[in-house]
Amino acid sequence: MIFVSNEGANYVMDTIVLSGKRELDIYMNPQRQNLIRCMQIAGVPMTPKQISDRLGISASSVQHHLGQLMELGLVELDHTEQIHGITASYYRVLPKNIQIGSLVDDELKHQRLVLMQASLSSIFSGFATYCAEHSEATLGPEQHGDMLTGITHLSPAEATELYGLIRAFLDAHEEGAEGAIPWEYALIAYPAAEKPHA
């Protein structure tokens, strides 16, 4: 696992590069992906019991998964509180970018591809459900969700700038704020080939 600081770029969020099989195995576990998503949507530190109640799994399982995610440096203990004489531990997801090595050609390439496909499928399924449950008539002008596709023409410097702008905006909104609701997203951009996709 490698930690890369992006302080020289237009954004400052650290990146965790998942470089080995153990790191990928920890990160791509579906239950851990659900746990991370649950905590990010909540936008506030949570106890294992709170996460357990939302996910429908035991608090001890949540504690195990949190330990694994802490090993990656993705989750940390935020604080503890005394509640009815019991110490409650609150955990939070750290503001980190996760890089799975999409372009690395090694024995873990298939595992990375499966992780990307599962992530995109989950986000698209959520979007499809959102579309099925809502219509223009049920939403106000400030509420929407959409998919944008197309081709844009960028120099290498402009591509780097675009990535930096997107990353900086998303990083600045990583934490929950008053009046803000969680938005789930998947952004894919890459140099296009002349030939159509198979």
C-alpha atoms as a PDB file:
ATOM      1  CA  MET A   1       0.000   0.000   0.000  1.00  0.00           C
ATOM      2  CA  ILE A   2       1.350   3.395  -0.968  1.00  0.00           C
ATOM      3  CA  PHE A   3       0.133   6.767   0.305  1.00  0.00           C
ATOM      4  CA  VAL A   4       0.544   9.572  -2.205  1.00  0.00           C
ATOM      5  CA  SER A   5       0.083  13.185  -1.199  1.00  0.00           C
ATOM      6  CA  ASN A   6      -1.383  15.336  -3.943  1.00  0.00           C
ATOM      7  CA  GLU A   7      -0.411  18.656  -2.367  1.00  0.00           C
ATOM      8  CA  GLY A   8       1.472  19.783  -5.479  1.00  0.00           C
ATOM      9  CA  ALA A   9      -1.660  19.446  -7.611  1.00  0.00           C
ATOM     10  CA  ASN A  10      -4.872  21.485  -7.451  1.00  0.00           C
ATOM     11  CA  TYR A  11      -6.270  19.231  -4.728  1.00  0.00           C
ATOM     12  CA  VAL A  12      -4.912  18.063  -1.393  1.00  0.00           C
ATOM     13  CA  MET A  13      -6.676  14.781  -0.622  1.00  0.00           C
ATOM     14  CA  ASP A  14      -4.268  11.891  -0.048  1.00  0.00           C
ATOM     15  CA  THR A  15      -4.447   8.840  -2.268  1.00  0.00           C
ATOM     16  CA  ILE A  16      -4.241   5.264  -1.070  1.00  0.00           C
ATOM     17  CA  VAL A  17      -2.827   3.035  -3.798  1.00  0.00           C
ATOM     18  CA  LEU A  18      -3.900  -0.582  -3.345  1.00  0.00           C
ATOM     19  CA  SER A  19      -0.764  -2.297  -4.565  1.00  0.00           C
ATOM     20  CA  GLY A  20      -1.086  -5.866  -3.294  1.00  0.00           C
ATOM     21  CA  LYS A  21      -3.508  -8.769  -3.129  1.00  0.00           C
ATOM     22  CA  ARG A  22      -4.206  -8.333   0.590  1.00  0.00           C
ATOM     23  CA  GLU A  23      -5.116  -4.655   0.182  1.00  0.00           C
ATOM     24  CA  LEU A  24      -7.392  -5.416  -2.776  1.00  0.00           C
ATOM     25  CA  ASP A  25      -9.026  -8.318  -0.917  1.00  0.00           C
ATOM     26  CA  ILE A  26      -9.741  -6.071   2.068  1.00  0.00           C
ATOM     27  CA  TYR A  27     -11.105  -3.226  -0.033  1.00  0.00           C
ATOM     28  CA  MET A  28     -13.201  -5.179  -2.532  1.00  0.00           C
ATOM     29  CA  ASN A  29     -15.139  -7.190   0.056  1.00  0.00           C
ATOM     30  CA  PRO A  30     -18.828  -6.414  -0.735  1.00  0.00           C
ATOM     31  CA  GLN A  31     -19.749  -6.026   2.932  1.00  0.00           C
ATOM     32  CA  ARG A  32     -16.936  -3.504   3.408  1.00  0.00           C
ATOM     33  CA  GLN A  33     -18.038  -1.617   0.310  1.00  0.00           C
ATOM     34  CA  ASN A  34     -21.558  -1.431   1.801  1.00  0.00           C
ATOM     35  CA  LEU A  35     -20.106  -0.276   5.124  1.00  0.00           C
ATOM     36  CA  ILE A  36     -18.045   2.492   3.499  1.00  0.00           C
ATOM     37  CA  ARG A  37     -21.071   3.621   1.473  1.00  0.00           C
ATOM     38  CA  CYS A  38     -23.288   3.634   4.586  1.00  0.00           C
ATOM     39  CA  MET A  39     -20.798   5.766   6.516  1.00  0.00           C
ATOM     40  CA  GLN A  40     -20.245   8.163   3.605  1.00  0.00           C
ATOM     41  CA  ILE A  41     -23.992   8.651   3.122  1.00  0.00           C
ATOM     42  CA  ALA A  42     -24.444   9.322   6.851  1.00  0.00           C
ATOM     43  CA  GLY A  43     -21.704  11.962   6.615  1.00  0.00           C
ATOM     44  CA  VAL A  44     -21.046  11.837  10.375  1.00  0.00           C
ATOM     45  CA  PRO A  45     -19.038   9.501  12.619  1.00  0.00           C
ATOM     46  CA  MET A  46     -20.963   6.328  13.477  1.00  0.00           C
ATOM     47  CA  THR A  47     -20.773   3.545  16.041  1.00  0.00           C
ATOM     48  CA  PRO A  48     -20.600  -0.120  15.000  1.00  0.00           C
ATOM     49  CA  LYS A  49     -24.141  -0.496  16.432  1.00  0.00           C
ATOM     50  CA  GLN A  50     -25.480   2.326  14.263  1.00  0.00           C
ATOM     51  CA  ILE A  51     -23.845   0.795  11.184  1.00  0.00           C
ATOM     52  CA  SER A  52     -25.093  -2.644  12.212  1.00  0.00           C
ATOM     53  CA  ASP A  53     -28.681  -1.381  12.447  1.00  0.00           C
ATOM     54  CA  ARG A  54     -28.490   0.199   8.978  1.00  0.00           C
ATOM     55  CA  LEU A  55     -26.841  -2.748   7.247  1.00  0.00           C
ATOM     56  CA  GLY A  56     -28.622  -5.570   9.076  1.00  0.00           C
ATOM     57  CA  ILE A  57     -25.433  -7.341  10.154  1.00  0.00           C
ATOM     58  CA  SER A  58     -24.029  -7.958  13.628  1.00  0.00           C
ATOM     59  CA  ALA A  59     -22.088  -5.235  15.421  1.00  0.00           C
ATOM     60  CA  SER A  60     -19.190  -7.684  15.861  1.00  0.00           C
ATOM     61  CA  SER A  61     -19.043  -8.171  12.069  1.00  0.00           C
ATOM     62  CA  VAL A  62     -19.062  -4.408  11.620  1.00  0.00           C
ATOM     63  CA  GLN A  63     -16.222  -4.126  14.160  1.00  0.00           C
ATOM     64  CA  HIS A  64     -14.204  -6.733  12.214  1.00  0.00           C
ATOM     65  CA  HIS A  65     -14.755  -4.915   8.906  1.00  0.00           C
ATOM     66  CA  LEU A  66     -13.866  -1.573  10.500  1.00  0.00           C
ATOM     67  CA  GLY A  67     -10.602  -3.086  11.725  1.00  0.00           C
ATOM     68  CA  GLN A  68      -9.750  -4.215   8.199  1.00  0.00           C
ATOM     69  CA  LEU A  69     -10.571  -0.778   6.766  1.00  0.00           C
ATOM     70  CA  MET A  70      -8.481   0.871   9.500  1.00  0.00           C
ATOM     71  CA  GLU A  71      -5.571  -1.331   8.391  1.00  0.00           C
ATOM     72  CA  LEU A  72      -5.903   0.219   4.927  1.00  0.00           C
ATOM     73  CA  GLY A  73      -5.955   3.717   6.412  1.00  0.00           C
ATOM     74  CA  LEU A  74      -9.458   4.358   5.094  1.00  0.00           C
ATOM     75  CA  VAL A  75     -11.318   4.495   8.424  1.00  0.00           C
ATOM     76  CA  GLU A  76     -10.312   5.845  11.831  1.00  0.00           C
ATOM     77  CA  LEU A  77     -11.673   6.128  15.347  1.00  0.00           C
ATOM     78  CA  ASP A  78     -13.096   9.646  15.511  1.00  0.00           C
ATOM     79  CA  HIS A  79     -14.025   9.863  19.192  1.00  0.00           C
ATOM     80  CA  THR A  80     -15.624   8.018  22.095  1.00  0.00           C
ATOM     81  CA  GLU A  81     -18.621   8.965  24.232  1.00  0.00           C
ATOM     82  CA  GLN A  82     -20.051   7.625  27.473  1.00  0.00           C
ATOM     83  CA  ILE A  83     -23.655   6.562  26.848  1.00  0.00           C
ATOM     84  CA  HIS A  84     -25.502   5.070  29.849  1.00  0.00           C
ATOM     85  CA  GLY A  85     -22.166   4.049  31.373  1.00  0.00           C
ATOM     86  CA  ILE A  86     -20.941   2.342  28.198  1.00  0.00           C
ATOM     87  CA  THR A  87     -18.123   3.727  26.062  1.00  0.00           C
ATOM     88  CA  ALA A  88     -19.356   4.124  22.496  1.00  0.00           C
ATOM     89  CA  SER A  89     -16.698   4.365  19.784  1.00  0.00           C
ATOM     90  CA  TYR A  90     -17.481   6.526  16.757  1.00  0.00           C
ATOM     91  CA  TYR A  91     -15.685   5.856  13.466  1.00  0.00           C
ATOM     92  CA  ARG A  92     -15.401   7.914  10.321  1.00  0.00           C
ATOM     93  CA  VAL A  93     -14.280   7.338   6.760  1.00  0.00           C
ATOM     94  CA  LEU A  94     -11.152   9.365   6.077  1.00  0.00           C
ATOM     95  CA  PRO A  95     -11.078  11.742   3.116  1.00  0.00           C
ATOM     96  CA  LYS A  96      -8.860   9.601   0.872  1.00  0.00           C
ATOM     97  CA  ASN A  97      -8.858   8.793  -2.803  1.00  0.00           C
ATOM     98  CA  ILE A  98      -8.544   5.081  -3.479  1.00  0.00           C
ATOM     99  CA  GLN A  99      -6.470   4.102  -6.491  1.00  0.00           C
ATOM    100  CA  ILE A 100      -6.787   0.443  -7.443  1.00  0.00           C
ATOM    101  CA  GLY A 101      -4.204   0.461 -10.221  1.00  0.00           C
ATOM    102  CA  SER A 102      -6.629   0.217 -13.134  1.00  0.00           C
ATOM    103  CA  LEU A 103      -3.828   0.251 -15.717  1.00  0.00           C
ATOM    104  CA  VAL A 104      -1.462  -2.137 -13.918  1.00  0.00           C
ATOM    105  CA  ASP A 105      -0.993  -5.341 -15.925  1.00  0.00           C
ATOM    106  CA  ASP A 106      -0.235  -7.976 -13.287  1.00  0.00           C
ATOM    107  CA  GLU A 107      -1.836 -11.094 -11.774  1.00  0.00           C
ATOM    108  CA  LEU A 108      -4.380  -8.885  -9.949  1.00  0.00           C
ATOM    109  CA  LYS A 109      -5.709  -7.222 -13.124  1.00  0.00           C
ATOM    110  CA  HIS A 110      -8.835  -9.422 -13.226  1.00  0.00           C
ATOM    111  CA  GLN A 111      -9.557  -8.705  -9.551  1.00  0.00           C
ATOM    112  CA  ARG A 112      -9.340  -4.952 -10.206  1.00  0.00           C
ATOM    113  CA  LEU A 113     -11.672  -5.250 -13.205  1.00  0.00           C
ATOM    114  CA  VAL A 114     -14.237  -7.140 -11.099  1.00  0.00           C
ATOM    115  CA  LEU A 115     -14.084  -4.407  -8.449  1.00  0.00           C
ATOM    116  CA  MET A 116     -14.629  -1.672 -11.060  1.00  0.00           C
ATOM    117  CA  GLN A 117     -17.534  -3.536 -12.671  1.00  0.00           C
ATOM    118  CA  ALA A 118     -19.202  -4.189  -9.307  1.00  0.00           C
ATOM    119  CA  SER A 119     -18.831  -0.540  -8.294  1.00  0.00           C
ATOM    120  CA  LEU A 120     -20.238   0.787 -11.567  1.00  0.00           C
ATOM    121  CA  SER A 121     -23.070  -1.757 -11.523  1.00  0.00           C
ATOM    122  CA  SER A 122     -24.032  -0.800  -7.963  1.00  0.00           C
ATOM    123  CA  ILE A 123     -24.059   2.913  -8.749  1.00  0.00           C
ATOM    124  CA  PHE A 124     -26.013   2.408 -11.976  1.00  0.00           C
ATOM    125  CA  SER A 125     -28.560   0.190 -10.171  1.00  0.00           C
ATOM    126  CA  GLY A 126     -29.044   2.917  -7.585  1.00  0.00           C
ATOM    127  CA  PHE A 127     -29.507   5.495 -10.325  1.00  0.00           C
ATOM    128  CA  ALA A 128     -32.022   3.265 -12.166  1.00  0.00           C
ATOM    129  CA  THR A 129     -33.989   2.809  -8.936  1.00  0.00           C
ATOM    130  CA  TYR A 130     -33.920   6.567  -8.347  1.00  0.00           C
ATOM    131  CA  CYS A 131     -35.266   7.176 -11.882  1.00  0.00           C
ATOM    132  CA  ALA A 132     -38.004   4.545 -11.440  1.00  0.00           C
ATOM    133  CA  GLU A 133     -39.145   6.076  -8.148  1.00  0.00           C
ATOM    134  CA  HIS A 134     -39.098   9.722  -9.224  1.00  0.00           C
ATOM    135  CA  SER A 135     -40.339  11.822 -12.092  1.00  0.00           C
ATOM    136  CA  GLU A 136     -40.235  15.478 -13.028  1.00  0.00           C
ATOM    137  CA  ALA A 137     -43.590  15.849 -11.292  1.00  0.00           C
ATOM    138  CA  THR A 138     -42.222  14.588  -7.949  1.00  0.00           C
ATOM    139  CA  LEU A 139     -39.009  16.618  -7.898  1.00  0.00           C
ATOM    140  CA  GLY A 140     -38.310  20.292  -7.438  1.00  0.00           C
ATOM    141  CA  PRO A 141     -36.067  22.249  -9.823  1.00  0.00           C
ATOM    142  CA  GLU A 142     -33.028  21.806  -7.538  1.00  0.00           C
ATOM    143  CA  GLN A 143     -33.369  18.006  -7.400  1.00  0.00           C
ATOM    144  CA  HIS A 144     -32.155  15.971 -10.309  1.00  0.00           C
ATOM    145  CA  GLY A 145     -29.882  13.182 -11.368  1.00  0.00           C
ATOM    146  CA  ASP A 146     -28.574  12.559 -14.826  1.00  0.00           C
ATOM    147  CA  MET A 147     -25.956  10.786 -16.866  1.00  0.00           C
ATOM    148  CA  LEU A 148     -23.683  12.705 -19.203  1.00  0.00           C
ATOM    149  CA  THR A 149     -21.821  11.015 -22.032  1.00  0.00           C
ATOM    150  CA  GLY A 150     -19.918  12.243 -25.033  1.00  0.00           C
ATOM    151  CA  ILE A 151     -16.521  13.115 -26.413  1.00  0.00           C
ATOM    152  CA  THR A 152     -14.515  16.166 -25.461  1.00  0.00           C
ATOM    153  CA  HIS A 153     -11.132  17.214 -26.864  1.00  0.00           C
ATOM    154  CA  LEU A 154      -8.421  17.941 -24.303  1.00  0.00           C
ATOM    155  CA  SER A 155      -4.691  18.438 -24.367  1.00  0.00           C
ATOM    156  CA  PRO A 156      -2.774  16.439 -21.715  1.00  0.00           C
ATOM    157  CA  ALA A 157      -2.527  19.617 -19.623  1.00  0.00           C
ATOM    158  CA  GLU A 158      -6.276  20.248 -19.951  1.00  0.00           C
ATOM    159  CA  ALA A 159      -7.051  16.634 -18.977  1.00  0.00           C
ATOM    160  CA  THR A 160      -4.911  17.070 -15.861  1.00  0.00           C
ATOM    161  CA  GLU A 161      -6.636  20.370 -15.118  1.00  0.00           C
ATOM    162  CA  LEU A 162     -10.109  18.830 -15.549  1.00  0.00           C
ATOM    163  CA  TYR A 163      -9.242  15.956 -13.220  1.00  0.00           C
ATOM    164  CA  GLY A 164      -7.892  18.424 -10.666  1.00  0.00           C
ATOM    165  CA  LEU A 165     -11.046  20.587 -10.838  1.00  0.00           C
ATOM    166  CA  ILE A 166     -13.351  17.600 -10.434  1.00  0.00           C
ATOM    167  CA  ARG A 167     -11.251  16.118  -7.614  1.00  0.00           C
ATOM    168  CA  ALA A 168     -11.025  19.464  -5.790  1.00  0.00           C
ATOM    169  CA  PHE A 169     -14.795  20.010  -6.001  1.00  0.00           C
ATOM    170  CA  LEU A 170     -15.634  16.490  -4.833  1.00  0.00           C
ATOM    171  CA  ASP A 171     -13.010  16.581  -2.069  1.00  0.00           C
ATOM    172  CA  ALA A 172     -14.389  19.894  -0.780  1.00  0.00           C
ATOM    173  CA  HIS A 173     -17.810  18.262  -0.398  1.00  0.00           C
ATOM    174  CA  GLU A 174     -16.663  14.961   1.110  1.00  0.00           C
ATOM    175  CA  GLU A 175     -18.037  15.816   4.571  1.00  0.00           C
ATOM    176  CA  GLY A 176     -21.730  16.331   5.264  1.00  0.00           C
ATOM    177  CA  ALA A 177     -22.908  19.925   5.674  1.00  0.00           C
ATOM    178  CA  GLU A 178     -26.156  21.486   6.799  1.00  0.00           C
ATOM    179  CA  GLY A 179     -28.730  21.356   4.017  1.00  0.00           C
ATOM    180  CA  ALA A 180     -26.600  19.003   1.902  1.00  0.00           C
ATOM    181  CA  ILE A 181     -27.774  15.554   0.849  1.00  0.00           C
ATOM    182  CA  PRO A 182     -25.484  12.716  -0.256  1.00  0.00           C
ATOM    183  CA  TRP A 183     -25.006  12.239  -3.997  1.00  0.00           C
ATOM    184  CA  GLU A 184     -23.535   9.062  -5.388  1.00  0.00           C
ATOM    185  CA  TYR A 185     -21.437   9.357  -8.529  1.00  0.00           C
ATOM    186  CA  ALA A 186     -19.242   7.449 -10.945  1.00  0.00           C
ATOM    187  CA  LEU A 187     -17.062   9.403 -13.346  1.00  0.00           C
ATOM    188  CA  ILE A 188     -15.093   7.683 -16.088  1.00  0.00           C
ATOM    189  CA  ALA A 189     -12.885   9.520 -18.535  1.00  0.00           C
ATOM    190  CA  TYR A 190     -10.139   8.133 -20.763  1.00  0.00           C
ATOM    191  CA  PRO A 191      -8.532   8.836 -24.155  1.00  0.00           C
ATOM    192  CA  ALA A 192     -10.948   7.569 -26.805  1.00  0.00           C
ATOM    193  CA  ALA A 193      -9.924   5.160 -29.562  1.00  0.00           C
ATOM    194  CA  GLU A 194     -10.949   5.603 -33.191  1.00  0.00           C
ATOM    195  CA  LYS A 195     -12.504   2.116 -33.361  1.00  0.00           C
ATOM    196  CA  PRO A 196     -15.951   1.549 -31.807  1.00  0.00           C
ATOM    197  CA  HIS A 197     -16.098  -0.524 -28.626  1.00  0.00           C
ATOM    198  CA  ALA A 198     -16.808  -4.224 -29.030  1.00  0.00           C
END
